[in-house]
Amino acid sequence: MAVLILGLVIFIGVHSVRIAAPQWRDAQIARFGVKGWRAAFAVLSLAGIVLTIRGYGLARHTPPVQVWFPPFWMSHVTALLTLIAFVLIVATWVRGNHLQRAIGHPLLCGIALWAFAHLLANGTLHDIVLFGAFFVWSITALLAGRRRDRATGIVYPAGVVSRDAIAVAIGFVAWAIFAFYLHGPLIGVRPLG
């Protein structure tokens, strides 16, 4: 569990600097340059995600501490919520859609929904640590991003239905590939049988 927590602290910590210490972040960018900051950010992010994945894998191979027992049907709710999360995440990169206009930060909203969905279907302590950390961080980052947008007057362009359709189609295909073909080999759990 220690490796999992260390990975989460590094990964989420790096991704929280803009929220917790924006002036310090700006000073480091001025000191090292944008490329230097991005390089350090990338290296620390990669280290954090590798440690998180490794720590989660190690935690799954120890006797689980069961905090709660999800009902058998909760996996279907999780599948539906993660489908929506995939669409939201894809909407981040498909410019000019209604989701981006309405939410402002669909990536963070998608991560929050993904984490929440997995909290519903997993009741072990290491699952709660992993998905709970991502849920709390993504909600905090979403609220901070929305506040920053209001303070700086950022307005997202009006959405176009065709761009919505692209986000939904790509999100659905990506979700189906991951849920049916990749989740089992990569994560060790086949969520849809």
Protein backbone atom coordinates (compact mmCIF):
# COMPACT_ATOMS: atom_id res chain seq x y z
CA MET A 1 0.00 0.00 0.00
CA ALA A 2 2.94 2.34 0.67
CA VAL A 3 4.05 2.25 -2.99
CA LEU A 4 0.49 3.03 -4.12
CA ILE A 5 0.25 5.99 -1.75
CA LEU A 6 3.70 7.29 -2.77
CA GLY A 7 2.70 7.11 -6.44
CA LEU A 8 -0.56 8.94 -5.79
CA VAL A 9 1.19 11.64 -3.76
CA ILE A 10 3.69 12.25 -6.57
CA PHE A 11 1.21 12.09 -9.46
CA ILE A 12 -1.60 14.06 -7.84
CA GLY A 13 0.86 16.41 -6.15
CA VAL A 14 2.43 17.38 -9.47
CA HIS A 15 -1.01 17.86 -11.00
CA SER A 16 -2.12 20.00 -8.04
CA VAL A 17 0.68 22.60 -8.13
CA ARG A 18 -1.40 24.93 -10.30
CA ILE A 19 -4.19 24.76 -7.70
CA ALA A 20 -2.15 24.90 -4.48
CA ALA A 21 0.83 27.06 -5.47
CA PRO A 22 0.21 28.99 -8.69
CA GLN A 23 2.76 31.72 -7.90
CA TRP A 24 5.45 29.13 -7.15
CA ARG A 25 4.60 27.37 -10.40
CA ASP A 26 4.91 30.63 -12.34
CA ALA A 27 8.25 31.36 -10.66
CA GLN A 28 9.58 27.90 -11.63
CA ILE A 29 8.46 28.38 -15.22
CA ALA A 30 10.23 31.75 -15.28
CA ARG A 31 13.34 30.18 -13.72
CA PHE A 32 13.62 27.01 -15.86
CA GLY A 33 11.59 28.01 -18.91
CA VAL A 34 8.45 26.38 -20.26
CA LYS A 35 10.38 23.43 -21.72
CA GLY A 36 12.26 22.82 -18.47
CA TRP A 37 9.03 22.96 -16.45
CA ARG A 38 7.27 20.60 -18.84
CA ALA A 39 10.18 18.16 -18.77
CA ALA A 40 10.21 18.06 -14.96
CA PHE A 41 6.41 17.79 -14.91
CA ALA A 42 6.49 14.90 -17.40
CA VAL A 43 9.23 12.99 -15.53
CA LEU A 44 7.49 13.35 -12.17
CA SER A 45 4.10 12.49 -13.67
CA LEU A 46 5.51 9.36 -15.28
CA ALA A 47 7.23 8.34 -12.03
CA GLY A 48 3.98 8.91 -10.13
CA ILE A 49 1.84 6.90 -12.53
CA VAL A 50 4.35 4.03 -12.67
CA LEU A 51 4.50 3.88 -8.87
CA THR A 52 0.70 4.09 -8.65
CA ILE A 53 0.23 1.22 -11.09
CA ARG A 54 2.94 -0.86 -9.42
CA GLY A 55 1.59 -0.11 -5.95
CA TYR A 56 -1.96 -0.99 -6.96
CA GLY A 57 -0.73 -4.26 -8.46
CA LEU A 58 1.17 -5.10 -5.28
CA ALA A 59 -1.83 -4.21 -3.11
CA ARG A 60 -4.08 -6.49 -5.17
CA HIS A 61 -1.80 -9.44 -4.41
CA THR A 62 -2.00 -9.02 -0.65
CA PRO A 63 -4.95 -10.15 1.46
CA PRO A 64 -7.63 -7.51 0.83
CA VAL A 65 -9.08 -5.33 3.55
CA GLN A 66 -12.75 -5.38 2.61
CA VAL A 67 -14.45 -2.12 3.62
CA TRP A 68 -17.77 -2.81 1.93
CA PHE A 69 -19.34 -5.42 -0.34
CA PRO A 70 -20.83 -4.01 -3.53
CA PRO A 71 -23.94 -5.76 -4.87
CA PHE A 72 -23.38 -7.97 -7.94
CA TRP A 73 -25.29 -5.59 -10.24
CA MET A 74 -23.08 -2.62 -9.41
CA SER A 75 -20.64 -3.62 -12.16
CA HIS A 76 -23.35 -2.76 -14.72
CA VAL A 77 -23.80 0.71 -13.19
CA THR A 78 -20.04 1.15 -13.28
CA ALA A 79 -19.92 0.12 -16.94
CA LEU A 80 -22.57 2.70 -17.86
CA LEU A 81 -20.87 5.48 -15.86
CA THR A 82 -17.47 4.70 -17.36
CA LEU A 83 -18.99 4.86 -20.85
CA ILE A 84 -20.12 8.41 -20.06
CA ALA A 85 -16.68 9.14 -18.57
CA PHE A 86 -14.98 8.01 -21.79
CA VAL A 87 -17.22 10.35 -23.81
CA LEU A 88 -16.38 13.24 -21.48
CA ILE A 89 -12.65 12.52 -21.70
CA VAL A 90 -12.78 12.40 -25.51
CA ALA A 91 -14.79 15.64 -25.54
CA THR A 92 -11.70 17.35 -24.12
CA TRP A 93 -9.91 16.94 -27.45
CA VAL A 94 -12.86 17.36 -29.83
CA ARG A 95 -13.11 21.13 -30.05
CA GLY A 96 -16.44 22.89 -30.40
CA ASN A 97 -18.77 20.46 -28.63
CA HIS A 98 -21.59 21.20 -26.21
CA LEU A 99 -19.98 19.25 -23.36
CA GLN A 100 -16.90 21.45 -23.42
CA ARG A 101 -19.10 24.55 -23.48
CA ALA A 102 -21.27 23.34 -20.59
CA ILE A 103 -18.59 21.84 -18.34
CA GLY A 104 -15.46 23.74 -19.30
CA HIS A 105 -13.21 20.89 -18.20
CA PRO A 106 -14.70 17.60 -19.44
CA LEU A 107 -11.44 15.70 -18.80
CA LEU A 108 -11.61 16.38 -15.07
CA CYS A 109 -15.33 15.63 -15.02
CA GLY A 110 -14.67 12.36 -16.85
CA ILE A 111 -11.94 11.37 -14.39
CA ALA A 112 -14.24 12.16 -11.47
CA LEU A 113 -17.02 10.03 -12.98
CA TRP A 114 -14.57 7.18 -13.76
CA ALA A 115 -13.27 7.24 -10.18
CA PHE A 116 -16.76 7.44 -8.65
CA ALA A 117 -17.96 4.56 -10.81
CA HIS A 118 -15.07 2.40 -9.64
CA LEU A 119 -15.71 3.33 -6.00
CA LEU A 120 -19.24 1.96 -6.43
CA ALA A 121 -18.04 -1.41 -7.70
CA ASN A 122 -14.95 -1.95 -5.53
CA GLY A 123 -14.99 -2.18 -1.77
CA THR A 124 -11.41 -3.01 -0.79
CA LEU A 125 -9.20 -0.51 1.00
CA HIS A 126 -6.67 -0.23 -1.81
CA ASP A 127 -9.48 0.42 -4.32
CA ILE A 128 -10.92 3.13 -2.08
CA VAL A 129 -7.47 4.72 -1.69
CA LEU A 130 -6.81 4.72 -5.45
CA PHE A 131 -10.21 5.75 -6.78
CA GLY A 132 -11.01 7.97 -3.80
CA ALA A 133 -7.79 9.95 -4.32
CA PHE A 134 -8.55 10.47 -8.01
CA PHE A 135 -12.16 11.39 -7.24
CA VAL A 136 -11.27 14.02 -4.62
CA TRP A 137 -8.44 15.44 -6.75
CA SER A 138 -10.50 15.66 -9.94
CA ILE A 139 -13.44 17.39 -8.21
CA THR A 140 -11.03 19.84 -6.55
CA ALA A 141 -9.24 20.50 -9.86
CA LEU A 142 -12.57 20.89 -11.69
CA LEU A 143 -13.83 23.48 -9.21
CA ALA A 144 -10.48 25.33 -9.30
CA GLY A 145 -10.49 25.29 -13.10
CA ARG A 146 -14.02 26.66 -13.28
CA ARG A 147 -13.11 29.38 -10.77
CA ARG A 148 -9.98 30.26 -12.79
CA ASP A 149 -12.06 30.41 -15.99
CA ARG A 150 -14.51 32.84 -14.38
CA ALA A 151 -11.69 35.00 -12.98
CA THR A 152 -9.95 35.24 -16.36
CA GLY A 153 -13.15 35.56 -18.39
CA ILE A 154 -12.64 32.37 -20.41
CA VAL A 155 -15.70 31.49 -22.47
CA TYR A 156 -15.74 28.24 -24.42
CA PRO A 157 -17.08 28.40 -28.00
CA ALA A 158 -20.62 27.34 -28.76
CA GLY A 159 -21.04 23.65 -29.45
CA VAL A 160 -21.97 22.02 -32.74
CA VAL A 161 -24.04 18.82 -32.82
CA SER A 162 -21.70 17.17 -35.33
CA ARG A 163 -18.79 17.68 -32.90
CA ASP A 164 -20.91 16.16 -30.12
CA ALA A 165 -21.54 13.13 -32.33
CA ILE A 166 -17.80 12.73 -32.97
CA ALA A 167 -17.05 12.84 -29.23
CA VAL A 168 -19.79 10.32 -28.46
CA ALA A 169 -18.77 7.94 -31.26
CA ILE A 170 -15.06 7.97 -30.43
CA GLY A 171 -15.79 7.73 -26.70
CA PHE A 172 -18.11 4.75 -27.22
CA VAL A 173 -15.62 2.90 -29.44
CA ALA A 174 -12.73 3.59 -27.04
CA TRP A 175 -14.86 2.42 -24.08
CA ALA A 176 -15.93 -0.77 -25.89
CA ILE A 177 -12.35 -1.65 -26.86
CA PHE A 178 -11.14 -1.05 -23.33
CA ALA A 179 -14.06 -2.72 -21.54
CA PHE A 180 -14.26 -5.83 -23.72
CA TYR A 181 -10.67 -6.36 -24.83
CA LEU A 182 -8.09 -4.41 -22.79
CA HIS A 183 -9.36 -4.19 -19.21
CA GLY A 184 -8.89 -7.93 -18.59
CA PRO A 185 -5.30 -8.27 -19.88
CA LEU A 186 -4.14 -4.91 -18.49
CA ILE A 187 -6.00 -4.76 -15.17
CA GLY A 188 -6.72 -8.42 -14.52
CA VAL A 189 -10.49 -7.97 -14.22
CA ARG A 190 -13.03 -8.52 -17.00
CA PRO A 191 -15.77 -6.05 -16.05
CA LEU A 192 -18.31 -7.33 -18.57
CA GLY A 193 -17.58 -11.03 -18.38
